């Protein structure tokens, strides 16, 4: 892809710094069905100073790591404090495809107390993704009660 107009972004759009942004785009296509919107390479023709993809109805911007500009990917930082959340119709299918494409399971998919089926993985570039599907509609009160019960079980009180 070459230069195309910027997409109509939502109020908040993640901008991921990646060591190997072009490869990350290909992974996101295989794993999450991403569609490449734009790619702006540097003069070397390989390093991406900007790219944009769409997953579902949302956009993610990407750029290659550029330490000279203070742009470091999660591998250089030895991890990430951020999890990108992806809501999908079938979490098991998407999660399996993302792992097959090269993702590493951080937390297997399971039914969660807040009414989602949820799992977490790390992509080959160090970014973490929480992937979920709604399985049960719950009120805030129901979620709070279920959360308290969950925490009691985790601490051995329940």
C-alpha atoms as a PDB file:
ATOM      1  CA  UNK A   1       0.000   0.000   0.000  1.00  0.00           C
ATOM      2  CA  UNK A   2       1.092   3.532  -0.525  1.00  0.00           C
ATOM      3  CA  UNK A   3      -0.072   6.909   0.632  1.00  0.00           C
ATOM      4  CA  UNK A   4      -3.837   7.079   1.058  1.00  0.00           C
ATOM      5  CA  UNK A   5      -5.889   9.603   2.961  1.00  0.00           C
ATOM      6  CA  UNK A   6      -5.964   9.149   6.722  1.00  0.00           C
ATOM      7  CA  UNK A   7      -8.951   7.149   7.946  1.00  0.00           C
ATOM      8  CA  UNK A   8     -11.738   8.757   9.945  1.00  0.00           C
ATOM      9  CA  UNK A   9     -10.372   7.828  13.367  1.00  0.00           C
ATOM     10  CA  UNK A  10     -12.293   7.276  16.592  1.00  0.00           C
ATOM     11  CA  UNK A  11     -11.671   9.488  19.632  1.00  0.00           C
ATOM     12  CA  UNK A  12      -8.848   7.211  20.842  1.00  0.00           C
ATOM     13  CA  UNK A  13      -6.655   5.206  18.477  1.00  0.00           C
ATOM     14  CA  UNK A  14      -3.718   3.056  19.605  1.00  0.00           C
ATOM     15  CA  UNK A  15      -0.391   3.845  17.933  1.00  0.00           C
ATOM     16  CA  UNK A  16       1.920   0.852  18.338  1.00  0.00           C
ATOM     17  CA  UNK A  17       5.688   1.109  18.083  1.00  0.00           C
ATOM     18  CA  UNK A  18       6.961  -2.171  16.659  1.00  0.00           C
ATOM     19  CA  UNK A  19      10.340  -3.660  15.903  1.00  0.00           C
ATOM     20  CA  UNK A  20       9.381  -4.932  12.457  1.00  0.00           C
ATOM     21  CA  UNK A  21       6.205  -2.983  11.645  1.00  0.00           C
ATOM     22  CA  UNK A  22       5.815  -4.455   8.144  1.00  0.00           C
ATOM     23  CA  UNK A  23       5.956  -7.986   9.588  1.00  0.00           C
ATOM     24  CA  UNK A  24       3.533  -6.959  12.344  1.00  0.00           C
ATOM     25  CA  UNK A  25       1.022  -5.795   9.740  1.00  0.00           C
ATOM     26  CA  UNK A  26       1.186  -9.206   8.075  1.00  0.00           C
ATOM     27  CA  UNK A  27       0.727 -10.933  11.450  1.00  0.00           C
ATOM     28  CA  UNK A  28      -2.304  -8.753  12.279  1.00  0.00           C
ATOM     29  CA  UNK A  29      -3.809  -9.607   8.882  1.00  0.00           C
ATOM     30  CA  UNK A  30      -3.425 -13.364   9.527  1.00  0.00           C
ATOM     31  CA  UNK A  31      -4.324 -13.277  13.214  1.00  0.00           C
ATOM     32  CA  UNK A  32      -7.103 -10.684  13.387  1.00  0.00           C
ATOM     33  CA  UNK A  33      -8.247 -10.146   9.799  1.00  0.00           C
ATOM     34  CA  UNK A  34      -6.700  -6.669   9.722  1.00  0.00           C
ATOM     35  CA  UNK A  35      -6.981  -4.592   6.573  1.00  0.00           C
ATOM     36  CA  UNK A  36      -4.025  -2.408   5.666  1.00  0.00           C
ATOM     37  CA  UNK A  37      -5.074   1.196   5.114  1.00  0.00           C
ATOM     38  CA  UNK A  38      -1.817   3.050   4.541  1.00  0.00           C
ATOM     39  CA  UNK A  39       1.933   2.605   4.684  1.00  0.00           C
ATOM     40  CA  UNK A  40       4.511   5.409   4.644  1.00  0.00           C
ATOM     41  CA  UNK A  41       8.079   4.094   4.399  1.00  0.00           C
ATOM     42  CA  UNK A  42      11.233   6.041   5.169  1.00  0.00           C
ATOM     43  CA  UNK A  43      13.744   6.754   2.392  1.00  0.00           C
ATOM     44  CA  UNK A  44      15.302   3.297   2.844  1.00  0.00           C
ATOM     45  CA  UNK A  45      12.016   1.799   1.565  1.00  0.00           C
ATOM     46  CA  UNK A  46      11.826  -0.674   4.489  1.00  0.00           C
ATOM     47  CA  UNK A  47      11.436   1.243   7.734  1.00  0.00           C
ATOM     48  CA  UNK A  48       7.862   2.384   8.293  1.00  0.00           C
ATOM     49  CA  UNK A  49       7.506   5.840   9.767  1.00  0.00           C
ATOM     50  CA  UNK A  50       3.730   5.399   9.722  1.00  0.00           C
ATOM     51  CA  UNK A  51       1.136   2.797   8.839  1.00  0.00           C
ATOM     52  CA  UNK A  52      -2.515   2.252   9.611  1.00  0.00           C
ATOM     53  CA  UNK A  53      -4.628  -0.889   9.745  1.00  0.00           C
ATOM     54  CA  UNK A  54      -8.283  -1.521  10.468  1.00  0.00           C
ATOM     55  CA  UNK A  55      -9.513  -4.382  12.637  1.00  0.00           C
ATOM     56  CA  UNK A  56     -13.299  -4.565  12.678  1.00  0.00           C
ATOM     57  CA  UNK A  57     -14.530  -0.986  13.023  1.00  0.00           C
ATOM     58  CA  UNK A  58     -11.360   0.373  14.653  1.00  0.00           C
ATOM     59  CA  UNK A  59      -8.001   1.628  13.476  1.00  0.00           C
ATOM     60  CA  UNK A  60      -4.515   1.052  14.809  1.00  0.00           C
ATOM     61  CA  UNK A  61      -1.532   3.103  13.714  1.00  0.00           C
ATOM     62  CA  UNK A  62       1.945   1.567  13.660  1.00  0.00           C
ATOM     63  CA  UNK A  63       5.516   2.696  13.193  1.00  0.00           C
ATOM     64  CA  UNK A  64       8.871   0.997  13.324  1.00  0.00           C
ATOM     65  CA  UNK A  65      10.915   1.505  16.450  1.00  0.00           C
ATOM     66  CA  UNK A  66      13.204   4.529  16.182  1.00  0.00           C
ATOM     67  CA  UNK A  67      15.355   4.791  19.312  1.00  0.00           C
ATOM     68  CA  UNK A  68      16.932   8.037  18.061  1.00  0.00           C
ATOM     69  CA  UNK A  69      13.441   9.574  18.245  1.00  0.00           C
ATOM     70  CA  UNK A  70      12.589   7.984  21.600  1.00  0.00           C
ATOM     71  CA  UNK A  71      10.271   5.405  19.983  1.00  0.00           C
ATOM     72  CA  UNK A  72      10.877   1.976  21.532  1.00  0.00           C
ATOM     73  CA  UNK A  73       8.885  -1.205  21.030  1.00  0.00           C
ATOM     74  CA  UNK A  74       7.980  -3.573  23.867  1.00  0.00           C
ATOM     75  CA  UNK A  75      10.937  -5.876  23.197  1.00  0.00           C
ATOM     76  CA  UNK A  76      13.421  -3.061  23.807  1.00  0.00           C
ATOM     77  CA  UNK A  77      11.500  -2.168  26.961  1.00  0.00           C
ATOM     78  CA  UNK A  78      11.408  -5.823  28.096  1.00  0.00           C
ATOM     79  CA  UNK A  79       7.609  -5.869  28.092  1.00  0.00           C
ATOM     80  CA  UNK A  80       4.585  -3.659  27.827  1.00  0.00           C
ATOM     81  CA  UNK A  81       2.237  -2.229  30.452  1.00  0.00           C
ATOM     82  CA  UNK A  82      -0.525  -1.974  27.833  1.00  0.00           C
ATOM     83  CA  UNK A  83      -3.049  -4.571  26.669  1.00  0.00           C
ATOM     84  CA  UNK A  84      -4.960  -3.879  23.446  1.00  0.00           C
ATOM     85  CA  UNK A  85      -8.517  -5.188  23.884  1.00  0.00           C
ATOM     86  CA  UNK A  86     -10.200  -6.818  20.900  1.00  0.00           C
ATOM     87  CA  UNK A  87     -13.923  -7.643  21.031  1.00  0.00           C
ATOM     88  CA  UNK A  88     -14.914 -10.338  18.515  1.00  0.00           C
ATOM     89  CA  UNK A  89     -17.943 -12.543  17.801  1.00  0.00           C
ATOM     90  CA  UNK A  90     -16.004 -15.804  18.375  1.00  0.00           C
ATOM     91  CA  UNK A  91     -13.067 -15.461  20.779  1.00  0.00           C
ATOM     92  CA  UNK A  92     -12.056 -19.121  20.528  1.00  0.00           C
ATOM     93  CA  UNK A  93     -11.695 -18.942  16.747  1.00  0.00           C
ATOM     94  CA  UNK A  94      -9.783 -15.641  16.703  1.00  0.00           C
ATOM     95  CA  UNK A  95      -7.552 -16.625  19.627  1.00  0.00           C
ATOM     96  CA  UNK A  96      -6.634 -19.955  17.999  1.00  0.00           C
ATOM     97  CA  UNK A  97      -5.862 -18.208  14.690  1.00  0.00           C
ATOM     98  CA  UNK A  98      -3.675 -15.613  16.462  1.00  0.00           C
ATOM     99  CA  UNK A  99      -1.732 -18.324  18.303  1.00  0.00           C
ATOM    100  CA  UNK A 100      -1.347 -20.363  15.112  1.00  0.00           C
ATOM    101  CA  UNK A 101       0.011 -17.242  13.378  1.00  0.00           C
ATOM    102  CA  UNK A 102       2.719 -16.926  16.056  1.00  0.00           C
ATOM    103  CA  UNK A 103       1.132 -15.442  19.182  1.00  0.00           C
ATOM    104  CA  UNK A 104       2.050 -16.735  22.660  1.00  0.00           C
ATOM    105  CA  UNK A 105      -0.700 -17.596  25.138  1.00  0.00           C
ATOM    106  CA  UNK A 106      -0.486 -15.440  28.268  1.00  0.00           C
ATOM    107  CA  UNK A 107      -3.896 -16.442  29.647  1.00  0.00           C
ATOM    108  CA  UNK A 108      -5.969 -19.196  28.022  1.00  0.00           C
ATOM    109  CA  UNK A 109      -9.505 -18.380  26.911  1.00  0.00           C
ATOM    110  CA  UNK A 110     -12.071 -19.054  29.638  1.00  0.00           C
ATOM    111  CA  UNK A 111     -15.443 -17.836  30.865  1.00  0.00           C
ATOM    112  CA  UNK A 112     -14.948 -14.792  33.081  1.00  0.00           C
ATOM    113  CA  UNK A 113     -16.975 -13.443  35.993  1.00  0.00           C
ATOM    114  CA  UNK A 114     -17.917 -10.254  34.114  1.00  0.00           C
ATOM    115  CA  UNK A 115     -19.857 -12.144  31.418  1.00  0.00           C
ATOM    116  CA  UNK A 116     -17.213 -12.447  28.695  1.00  0.00           C
ATOM    117  CA  UNK A 117     -15.234 -15.346  27.363  1.00  0.00           C
ATOM    118  CA  UNK A 118     -11.699 -13.908  27.463  1.00  0.00           C
ATOM    119  CA  UNK A 119      -8.072 -14.782  26.850  1.00  0.00           C
ATOM    120  CA  UNK A 120      -4.812 -12.863  26.548  1.00  0.00           C
ATOM    121  CA  UNK A 121      -1.876 -13.399  24.212  1.00  0.00           C
ATOM    122  CA  UNK A 122       1.368 -11.718  23.275  1.00  0.00           C
ATOM    123  CA  UNK A 123       1.999 -11.146  19.599  1.00  0.00           C
ATOM    124  CA  UNK A 124       5.440 -11.919  18.125  1.00  0.00           C
ATOM    125  CA  UNK A 125       6.395  -8.239  18.518  1.00  0.00           C
ATOM    126  CA  UNK A 126       5.755  -8.002  22.262  1.00  0.00           C
ATOM    127  CA  UNK A 127       2.335  -6.343  22.296  1.00  0.00           C
ATOM    128  CA  UNK A 128      -0.342  -7.991  24.432  1.00  0.00           C
ATOM    129  CA  UNK A 129      -3.915  -8.506  23.253  1.00  0.00           C
ATOM    130  CA  UNK A 130      -6.951  -9.280  25.390  1.00  0.00           C
ATOM    131  CA  UNK A 131      -9.539 -10.953  23.173  1.00  0.00           C
ATOM    132  CA  UNK A 132     -13.145 -11.468  24.233  1.00  0.00           C
ATOM    133  CA  UNK A 133     -16.698 -12.309  23.276  1.00  0.00           C
ATOM    134  CA  UNK A 134     -19.780 -11.483  25.335  1.00  0.00           C
ATOM    135  CA  UNK A 135     -21.465 -14.659  26.599  1.00  0.00           C
ATOM    136  CA  UNK A 136     -23.792 -13.237  29.264  1.00  0.00           C
ATOM    137  CA  UNK A 137     -25.307  -9.801  29.817  1.00  0.00           C
ATOM    138  CA  UNK A 138     -24.813  -8.729  33.412  1.00  0.00           C
ATOM    139  CA  UNK A 139     -25.717  -5.653  35.450  1.00  0.00           C
ATOM    140  CA  UNK A 140     -22.974  -3.729  37.239  1.00  0.00           C
ATOM    141  CA  UNK A 141     -24.261  -5.125  40.541  1.00  0.00           C
ATOM    142  CA  UNK A 142     -24.024  -8.697  39.211  1.00  0.00           C
ATOM    143  CA  UNK A 143     -20.488  -8.083  37.944  1.00  0.00           C
ATOM    144  CA  UNK A 144     -19.413  -6.582  41.282  1.00  0.00           C
ATOM    145  CA  UNK A 145     -20.854  -9.523  43.226  1.00  0.00           C
ATOM    146  CA  UNK A 146     -19.253 -12.025  40.848  1.00  0.00           C
ATOM    147  CA  UNK A 147     -15.950 -10.146  41.106  1.00  0.00           C
ATOM    148  CA  UNK A 148     -16.028 -10.245  44.905  1.00  0.00           C
ATOM    149  CA  UNK A 149     -16.737 -13.976  44.816  1.00  0.00           C
ATOM    150  CA  UNK A 150     -13.904 -14.485  42.320  1.00  0.00           C
ATOM    151  CA  UNK A 151     -11.423 -12.555  44.491  1.00  0.00           C
ATOM    152  CA  UNK A 152     -12.440 -14.550  47.579  1.00  0.00           C
ATOM    153  CA  UNK A 153     -11.864 -17.790  45.688  1.00  0.00           C
ATOM    154  CA  UNK A 154      -8.478 -16.559  44.440  1.00  0.00           C
ATOM    155  CA  UNK A 155      -7.384 -15.614  47.981  1.00  0.00           C
ATOM    156  CA  UNK A 156      -8.576 -18.923  49.431  1.00  0.00           C
ATOM    157  CA  UNK A 157     -11.409 -17.350  51.438  1.00  0.00           C
ATOM    158  CA  UNK A 158     -14.256 -18.781  49.405  1.00  0.00           C
END
